[in-house]
C-alpha atoms as a PDB file:
ATOM      1  CA  MET A   1     147.597 146.685  95.230  1.00  0.00           C
ATOM      2  CA  LEU A   2     144.603 147.438  92.555  1.00  0.00           C
ATOM      3  CA  ARG A   3     147.402 149.536  90.960  1.00  0.00           C
ATOM      4  CA  THR A   4     149.667 146.797  90.305  1.00  0.00           C
ATOM      5  CA  GLN A   5     146.794 144.520  89.139  1.00  0.00           C
ATOM      6  CA  LEU A   6     146.064 147.023  86.624  1.00  0.00           C
ATOM      7  CA  GLN A   7     149.358 147.452  85.532  1.00  0.00           C
ATOM      8  CA  ARG A   8     149.996 143.363  85.223  1.00  0.00           C
ATOM      9  CA  LYS A   9     146.743 143.936  82.893  1.00  0.00           C
ATOM     10  CA  ILE A  10     148.540 146.557  80.190  1.00  0.00           C
ATOM     11  CA  PRO A  11     150.025 143.764  77.881  1.00  0.00           C
ATOM     12  CA  SER A  12     146.132 141.826  77.793  1.00  0.00           C
ATOM     13  CA  TYR A  13     144.710 145.053  76.898  1.00  0.00           C
ATOM     14  CA  LYS A  14     147.139 145.883  74.061  1.00  0.00           C
ATOM     15  CA  VAL A  15     146.032 142.620  72.599  1.00  0.00           C
ATOM     16  CA  LEU A  16     142.611 143.372  72.845  1.00  0.00           C
ATOM     17  CA  GLY A  17     143.313 146.633  71.707  1.00  0.00           C
ATOM     18  CA  LEU A  18     144.833 145.719  68.616  1.00  0.00           C
ATOM     19  CA  PHE A  19     141.963 142.834  68.299  1.00  0.00           C
ATOM     20  CA  ALA A  20     139.227 145.706  68.079  1.00  0.00           C
ATOM     21  CA  LEU A  21     141.289 148.320  65.998  1.00  0.00           C
ATOM     22  CA  LEU A  22     141.601 145.468  63.256  1.00  0.00           C
ATOM     23  CA  LEU A  23     138.154 144.164  63.553  1.00  0.00           C
ATOM     24  CA  VAL A  24     136.739 148.088  63.060  1.00  0.00           C
ATOM     25  CA  ALA A  25     139.008 148.181  60.039  1.00  0.00           C
ATOM     26  CA  LEU A  26     137.881 144.910  58.325  1.00  0.00           C
ATOM     27  CA  LEU A  27     134.053 145.966  58.870  1.00  0.00           C
ATOM     28  CA  ALA A  28     134.643 149.184  57.176  1.00  0.00           C
ATOM     29  CA  LEU A  29     136.436 147.572  54.327  1.00  0.00           C
ATOM     30  CA  PHE A  30     134.239 144.613  53.985  1.00  0.00           C
ATOM     31  CA  PRO A  31     130.466 145.891  54.436  1.00  0.00           C
ATOM     32  CA  SER A  32     127.766 143.129  55.042  1.00  0.00           C
ATOM     33  CA  PRO A  33     126.947 141.181  52.497  1.00  0.00           C
ATOM     34  CA  SER A  34     123.540 140.569  50.795  1.00  0.00           C
ATOM     35  CA  LEU A  35     122.354 137.483  52.647  1.00  0.00           C
ATOM     36  CA  VAL A  36     120.597 136.342  49.629  1.00  0.00           C
ATOM     37  CA  ALA A  37     123.884 136.484  47.404  1.00  0.00           C
ATOM     38  CA  PRO A  38     125.076 132.988  46.124  1.00  0.00           C
ATOM     39  CA  ALA A  39     127.584 131.515  48.159  1.00  0.00           C
ATOM     40  CA  SER A  40     130.307 129.234  47.376  1.00  0.00           C
ATOM     41  CA  ASP A  41     131.045 126.193  48.704  1.00  0.00           C
ATOM     42  CA  SER A  42     134.863 127.205  49.956  1.00  0.00           C
ATOM     43  CA  THR A  43     133.632 130.436  51.353  1.00  0.00           C
ATOM     44  CA  GLY A  44     130.503 128.804  53.179  1.00  0.00           C
ATOM     45  CA  PHE A  45     133.067 126.174  54.555  1.00  0.00           C
ATOM     46  CA  ILE A  46     135.658 128.665  55.676  1.00  0.00           C
ATOM     47  CA  PHE A  47     133.021 130.704  57.569  1.00  0.00           C
ATOM     48  CA  THR A  48     131.074 127.367  59.210  1.00  0.00           C
ATOM     49  CA  LEU A  49     134.322 126.380  60.184  1.00  0.00           C
ATOM     50  CA  LEU A  50     135.838 129.574  62.010  1.00  0.00           C
ATOM     51  CA  SER A  51     131.929 129.908  63.378  1.00  0.00           C
ATOM     52  CA  ASN A  52     131.984 126.575  64.981  1.00  0.00           C
ATOM     53  CA  SER A  53     135.471 126.823  66.085  1.00  0.00           C
ATOM     54  CA  ALA A  54     134.169 129.500  68.801  1.00  0.00           C
ATOM     55  CA  GLY A  55     130.425 127.535  69.330  1.00  0.00           C
ATOM     56  CA  ASN A  56     129.091 125.200  71.118  1.00  0.00           C
ATOM     57  CA  PRO A  57     130.053 122.267  71.378  1.00  0.00           C
ATOM     58  CA  TRP A  58     133.373 122.999  69.142  1.00  0.00           C
ATOM     59  CA  PHE A  59     134.795 125.720  71.516  1.00  0.00           C
ATOM     60  CA  ILE A  60     135.895 123.202  74.165  1.00  0.00           C
ATOM     61  CA  ILE A  61     138.821 122.252  71.432  1.00  0.00           C
ATOM     62  CA  ALA A  62     139.858 125.826  71.289  1.00  0.00           C
ATOM     63  CA  VAL A  63     139.620 125.703  75.353  1.00  0.00           C
ATOM     64  CA  ALA A  64     141.553 122.918  75.533  1.00  0.00           C
ATOM     65  CA  LEU A  65     144.451 124.130  73.119  1.00  0.00           C
ATOM     66  CA  LEU A  66     144.600 127.194  74.706  1.00  0.00           C
ATOM     67  CA  CYS A  67     145.117 125.870  78.087  1.00  0.00           C
ATOM     68  CA  LEU A  68     148.115 124.018  76.605  1.00  0.00           C
ATOM     69  CA  LEU A  69     149.806 127.281  76.476  1.00  0.00           C
ATOM     70  CA  PRO A  70     151.218 127.025  80.093  1.00  0.00           C
ATOM     71  CA  LEU A  71     152.610 123.719  79.247  1.00  0.00           C
ATOM     72  CA  ILE A  72     154.245 124.739  76.413  1.00  0.00           C
ATOM     73  CA  TYR A  73     156.004 127.583  78.126  1.00  0.00           C
ATOM     74  CA  LYS A  74     157.174 125.396  80.662  1.00  0.00           C
ATOM     75  CA  LYS A  75     155.268 126.972  83.548  1.00  0.00           C
ATOM     76  CA  ASP A  76     155.204 125.191  86.869  1.00  0.00           C
ATOM     77  CA  LYS A  77     152.269 123.315  88.293  1.00  0.00           C
ATOM     78  CA  LYS A  78     151.181 126.450  90.658  1.00  0.00           C
ATOM     79  CA  ALA A  79     150.839 128.816  87.967  1.00  0.00           C
ATOM     80  CA  CYS A  80     149.470 126.590  85.386  1.00  0.00           C
ATOM     81  CA  LEU A  81     146.450 125.692  87.960  1.00  0.00           C
ATOM     82  CA  ILE A  82     146.487 129.324  89.003  1.00  0.00           C
ATOM     83  CA  LEU A  83     146.327 130.315  85.168  1.00  0.00           C
ATOM     84  CA  TRP A  84     143.538 127.517  84.382  1.00  0.00           C
ATOM     85  CA  ALA A  85     141.232 128.687  87.390  1.00  0.00           C
ATOM     86  CA  GLN A  86     141.344 132.457  86.047  1.00  0.00           C
ATOM     87  CA  PHE A  87     140.463 131.293  82.439  1.00  0.00           C
ATOM     88  CA  ALA A  88     137.455 129.635  83.722  1.00  0.00           C
ATOM     89  CA  LEU A  89     136.324 132.423  85.734  1.00  0.00           C
ATOM     90  CA  ILE A  90     136.356 134.649  82.766  1.00  0.00           C
ATOM     91  CA  LEU A  91     134.585 132.135  80.804  1.00  0.00           C
ATOM     92  CA  VAL A  92     131.812 131.488  83.361  1.00  0.00           C
ATOM     93  CA  LEU A  93     131.551 135.170  83.709  1.00  0.00           C
ATOM     94  CA  SER A  94     131.434 135.742  80.056  1.00  0.00           C
ATOM     95  CA  PHE A  95     128.323 133.631  79.611  1.00  0.00           C
ATOM     96  CA  ALA A  96     126.522 134.752  82.130  1.00  0.00           C
ATOM     97  CA  ALA A  97     127.259 138.129  80.814  1.00  0.00           C
ATOM     98  CA  LYS A  98     126.068 137.178  77.082  1.00  0.00           C
ATOM     99  CA  SER A  99     122.500 135.534  78.518  1.00  0.00           C
ATOM    100  CA  PHE A 100     121.957 138.382  80.615  1.00  0.00           C
ATOM    101  CA  MET A 101     122.408 140.658  78.182  1.00  0.00           C
ATOM    102  CA  LYS A 102     120.644 138.693  75.160  1.00  0.00           C
ATOM    103  CA  HIS A 103     117.590 138.706  77.328  1.00  0.00           C
ATOM    104  CA  ILE A 104     117.310 142.443  77.903  1.00  0.00           C
ATOM    105  CA  THR A 105     118.425 143.869  74.574  1.00  0.00           C
ATOM    106  CA  GLU A 106     116.075 141.759  72.499  1.00  0.00           C
ATOM    107  CA  VAL A 107     117.766 142.831  69.251  1.00  0.00           C
ATOM    108  CA  PRO A 108     116.726 140.822  66.446  1.00  0.00           C
ATOM    109  CA  ARG A 109     119.438 138.969  64.329  1.00  0.00           C
ATOM    110  CA  PRO A 110     120.140 140.251  61.017  1.00  0.00           C
ATOM    111  CA  TYR A 111     118.732 137.202  59.200  1.00  0.00           C
ATOM    112  CA  THR A 112     115.146 137.918  60.941  1.00  0.00           C
ATOM    113  CA  HIS A 113     115.170 141.101  58.830  1.00  0.00           C
ATOM    114  CA  GLU A 114     116.121 139.175  55.834  1.00  0.00           C
ATOM    115  CA  LEU A 115     112.855 136.940  56.491  1.00  0.00           C
ATOM    116  CA  ALA A 116     110.632 139.813  56.810  1.00  0.00           C
ATOM    117  CA  ALA A 117     112.284 141.273  53.528  1.00  0.00           C
ATOM    118  CA  LEU A 118     111.004 137.956  52.018  1.00  0.00           C
ATOM    119  CA  GLU A 119     107.615 138.456  53.339  1.00  0.00           C
ATOM    120  CA  LEU A 120     107.919 135.401  55.425  1.00  0.00           C
ATOM    121  CA  VAL A 121     107.206 137.115  58.689  1.00  0.00           C
ATOM    122  CA  ASP A 122     105.513 140.567  59.173  1.00  0.00           C
ATOM    123  CA  SER A 123     108.908 141.909  60.647  1.00  0.00           C
ATOM    124  CA  ALA A 124     111.826 140.952  62.536  1.00  0.00           C
ATOM    125  CA  PRO A 125     110.496 141.309  66.007  1.00  0.00           C
ATOM    126  CA  ALA A 126     107.415 139.212  65.076  1.00  0.00           C
ATOM    127  CA  PHE A 127     109.524 136.215  64.316  1.00  0.00           C
ATOM    128  CA  TYR A 128     110.465 135.954  68.174  1.00  0.00           C
ATOM    129  CA  GLN A 129     106.696 135.870  68.798  1.00  0.00           C
ATOM    130  CA  LEU A 130     106.646 132.338  66.679  1.00  0.00           C
ATOM    131  CA  THR A 131     106.971 129.200  68.543  1.00  0.00           C
ATOM    132  CA  SER A 132     109.895 127.224  67.913  1.00  0.00           C
ATOM    133  CA  LYS A 133     108.301 124.849  65.274  1.00  0.00           C
ATOM    134  CA  GLN A 134     106.827 127.758  63.407  1.00  0.00           C
ATOM    135  CA  LYS A 135     110.555 129.461  63.501  1.00  0.00           C
ATOM    136  CA  GLU A 136     112.002 126.150  62.051  1.00  0.00           C
ATOM    137  CA  ASP A 137     109.169 126.226  59.232  1.00  0.00           C
ATOM    138  CA  VAL A 138     109.923 130.019  58.420  1.00  0.00           C
ATOM    139  CA  ILE A 139     113.505 129.608  57.972  1.00  0.00           C
ATOM    140  CA  GLU A 140     112.675 126.065  55.968  1.00  0.00           C
ATOM    141  CA  GLU A 141     110.697 128.084  53.530  1.00  0.00           C
ATOM    142  CA  ALA A 142     113.833 130.815  52.998  1.00  0.00           C
ATOM    143  CA  LYS A 143     116.219 127.882  51.494  1.00  0.00           C
ATOM    144  CA  ASP A 144     114.847 128.931  47.992  1.00  0.00           C
ATOM    145  CA  ASN A 145     116.297 132.040  48.473  1.00  0.00           C
ATOM    146  CA  VAL A 146     119.329 131.809  50.754  1.00  0.00           C
ATOM    147  CA  SER A 147     122.454 129.461  50.918  1.00  0.00           C
ATOM    148  CA  GLU A 148     122.356 126.123  52.889  1.00  0.00           C
ATOM    149  CA  TRP A 149     125.355 127.376  54.412  1.00  0.00           C
ATOM    150  CA  ARG A 150     123.592 130.575  56.342  1.00  0.00           C
ATOM    151  CA  ILE A 151     120.145 128.405  56.495  1.00  0.00           C
ATOM    152  CA  ARG A 152     121.750 125.904  58.750  1.00  0.00           C
ATOM    153  CA  HIS A 153     123.222 128.395  61.246  1.00  0.00           C
ATOM    154  CA  TRP A 154     119.949 130.009  61.295  1.00  0.00           C
ATOM    155  CA  GLU A 155     118.023 126.924  62.485  1.00  0.00           C
ATOM    156  CA  GLY A 156     120.389 126.121  64.909  1.00  0.00           C
ATOM    157  CA  GLU A 157     120.332 130.039  66.611  1.00  0.00           C
ATOM    158  CA  THR A 158     116.922 131.488  66.907  1.00  0.00           C
ATOM    159  CA  ASN A 159     117.726 133.829  70.047  1.00  0.00           C
ATOM    160  CA  TYR A 160     118.429 137.581  70.019  1.00  0.00           C
ATOM    161  CA  SER A 161     121.448 139.127  68.616  1.00  0.00           C
ATOM    162  CA  LEU A 162     122.962 141.636  71.311  1.00  0.00           C
ATOM    163  CA  PRO A 163     125.785 140.491  72.334  1.00  0.00           C
ATOM    164  CA  SER A 164     127.881 138.057  69.847  1.00  0.00           C
ATOM    165  CA  GLY A 165     128.299 134.919  71.936  1.00  0.00           C
ATOM    166  CA  HIS A 166     130.992 133.710  69.487  1.00  0.00           C
ATOM    167  CA  THR A 167     133.126 137.374  69.744  1.00  0.00           C
ATOM    168  CA  ILE A 168     132.744 137.146  73.582  1.00  0.00           C
ATOM    169  CA  PHE A 169     134.477 134.177  73.724  1.00  0.00           C
ATOM    170  CA  VAL A 170     136.994 134.632  71.314  1.00  0.00           C
ATOM    171  CA  ALA A 171     137.772 138.103  72.790  1.00  0.00           C
ATOM    172  CA  VAL A 172     138.153 136.698  76.044  1.00  0.00           C
ATOM    173  CA  CYS A 173     140.413 134.061  74.702  1.00  0.00           C
ATOM    174  CA  ILE A 174     142.337 136.880  73.299  1.00  0.00           C
ATOM    175  CA  VAL A 175     142.578 139.336  76.422  1.00  0.00           C
ATOM    176  CA  PHE A 176     143.482 136.558  78.345  1.00  0.00           C
ATOM    177  CA  TRP A 177     145.435 134.349  76.728  1.00  0.00           C
ATOM    178  CA  GLY A 178     147.000 137.101  74.413  1.00  0.00           C
ATOM    179  CA  GLY A 179     148.553 138.823  77.549  1.00  0.00           C
ATOM    180  CA  PHE A 180     150.200 135.496  78.484  1.00  0.00           C
ATOM    181  CA  LEU A 181     151.783 135.101  75.140  1.00  0.00           C
ATOM    182  CA  LEU A 182     152.567 138.956  75.139  1.00  0.00           C
ATOM    183  CA  ARG A 183     154.277 138.791  78.605  1.00  0.00           C
ATOM    184  CA  ASN A 184     156.021 135.552  77.114  1.00  0.00           C
ATOM    185  CA  LYS A 185     157.197 137.058  74.102  1.00  0.00           C
ATOM    186  CA  GLY A 186     155.077 134.598  71.901  1.00  0.00           C
ATOM    187  CA  TYR A 187     154.665 137.136  69.072  1.00  0.00           C
ATOM    188  CA  ILE A 188     153.536 134.149  66.281  1.00  0.00           C
ATOM    189  CA  PRO A 189     151.471 132.641  68.719  1.00  0.00           C
ATOM    190  CA  VAL A 190     149.424 136.046  69.448  1.00  0.00           C
ATOM    191  CA  ALA A 191     149.311 136.714  65.624  1.00  0.00           C
ATOM    192  CA  LEU A 192     147.660 133.478  65.069  1.00  0.00           C
ATOM    193  CA  LEU A 193     145.287 134.165  67.939  1.00  0.00           C
ATOM    194  CA  LEU A 194     144.444 137.556  66.724  1.00  0.00           C
ATOM    195  CA  SER A 195     143.617 136.162  63.061  1.00  0.00           C
ATOM    196  CA  TRP A 196     141.548 133.266  64.498  1.00  0.00           C
ATOM    197  CA  GLY A 197     139.690 135.977  66.327  1.00  0.00           C
ATOM    198  CA  LEU A 198     139.050 137.899  63.411  1.00  0.00           C
ATOM    199  CA  GLY A 199     138.025 135.131  61.195  1.00  0.00           C
ATOM    200  CA  VAL A 200     135.045 134.310  63.891  1.00  0.00           C
ATOM    201  CA  ALA A 201     134.237 137.772  64.357  1.00  0.00           C
ATOM    202  CA  ILE A 202     133.719 138.033  60.361  1.00  0.00           C
ATOM    203  CA  SER A 203     131.899 134.753  60.149  1.00  0.00           C
ATOM    204  CA  ARG A 204     129.242 136.045  62.500  1.00  0.00           C
ATOM    205  CA  ILE A 205     128.477 138.905  60.084  1.00  0.00           C
ATOM    206  CA  TRP A 206     129.035 136.695  56.929  1.00  0.00           C
ATOM    207  CA  LEU A 207     126.502 134.160  58.176  1.00  0.00           C
ATOM    208  CA  GLY A 208     123.780 136.996  59.007  1.00  0.00           C
ATOM    209  CA  MET A 209     124.113 136.184  62.834  1.00  0.00           C
ATOM    210  CA  HIS A 210     125.027 139.593  63.956  1.00  0.00           C
ATOM    211  CA  TRP A 211     125.398 143.041  63.548  1.00  0.00           C
ATOM    212  CA  PRO A 212     129.016 144.722  63.682  1.00  0.00           C
ATOM    213  CA  SER A 213     127.776 146.563  66.841  1.00  0.00           C
ATOM    214  CA  ASP A 214     127.403 143.061  68.170  1.00  0.00           C
ATOM    215  CA  LEU A 215     130.757 142.493  67.826  1.00  0.00           C
ATOM    216  CA  MET A 216     131.911 145.722  69.175  1.00  0.00           C
ATOM    217  CA  ALA A 217     129.721 145.287  72.284  1.00  0.00           C
ATOM    218  CA  SER A 218     131.264 141.867  72.831  1.00  0.00           C
ATOM    219  CA  THR A 219     134.603 143.093  72.669  1.00  0.00           C
ATOM    220  CA  PHE A 220     133.736 145.888  75.296  1.00  0.00           C
ATOM    221  CA  CYS A 221     132.310 143.299  77.450  1.00  0.00           C
ATOM    222  CA  ALA A 222     135.155 140.811  77.490  1.00  0.00           C
ATOM    223  CA  ALA A 223     137.332 144.102  78.384  1.00  0.00           C
ATOM    224  CA  LEU A 224     135.292 144.940  81.543  1.00  0.00           C
ATOM    225  CA  LEU A 225     134.874 141.226  82.639  1.00  0.00           C
ATOM    226  CA  TYR A 226     138.648 140.973  82.266  1.00  0.00           C
ATOM    227  CA  LEU A 227     138.820 143.965  85.194  1.00  0.00           C
ATOM    228  CA  LEU A 228     136.928 141.674  87.328  1.00  0.00           C
ATOM    229  CA  VAL A 229     139.732 138.742  87.434  1.00  0.00           C
ATOM    230  CA  PRO A 230     142.570 138.955  89.722  1.00  0.00           C
ATOM    231  CA  GLU A 231     145.701 138.666  87.637  1.00  0.00           C
ATOM    232  CA  PRO A 232     148.283 135.880  88.644  1.00  0.00           C
ATOM    233  CA  THR A 233     151.529 136.976  89.856  1.00  0.00           C
ATOM    234  CA  GLU A 234     152.910 133.737  87.568  1.00  0.00           C
ATOM    235  CA  GLN A 235     152.277 136.058  84.452  1.00  0.00           C
ATOM    236  CA  LYS A 236     154.868 138.431  84.989  1.00  0.00           C
END
């Protein structure tokens, strides 16, 4: 039974493995940008759009679109319900894992190091000792040196960095629905899913929200969580 379950997961891990390889390549080719460098409105808009598509509350749209896939591929009602239940399970597991890992790792976000470099806080860890209002004021002071596109994300997320919740979300979508699409020979949708996931991951680097190691840890976490999800026979 266990061996059969693992065999059914192979297509999913192939897609997630490809995502991981492409992500490593992109991170190697495009090193982390300077967070105080000027940013064009077009670049800021694209990366903000990508990041928001996997963040609260807009990730619901991505979930809804992905949940249409069984209907598009004309799966019967039972198969659809099973797929949706499995996807809901791995989403809940990923959200719980993200919160737990941030709590125990307490890795400062990249932008907190920039705030320290601008001498707005004593150090990156010191930022997390501030009250919510003090954090808001410190980020506000950085506006003269940092693009508004980045500032708005810094203001919205003042928790810790590891892992990347956005990247866990897209990695979970890729491992689950990428495998479904590969089994059903949906090669173009797989490519689109991978492109979206890579865009989201790179946007988090550009915005100063995460380190490359956060992205890879998130991908690995998604791979482990998928092991806990029983594979529906309807996905064959």
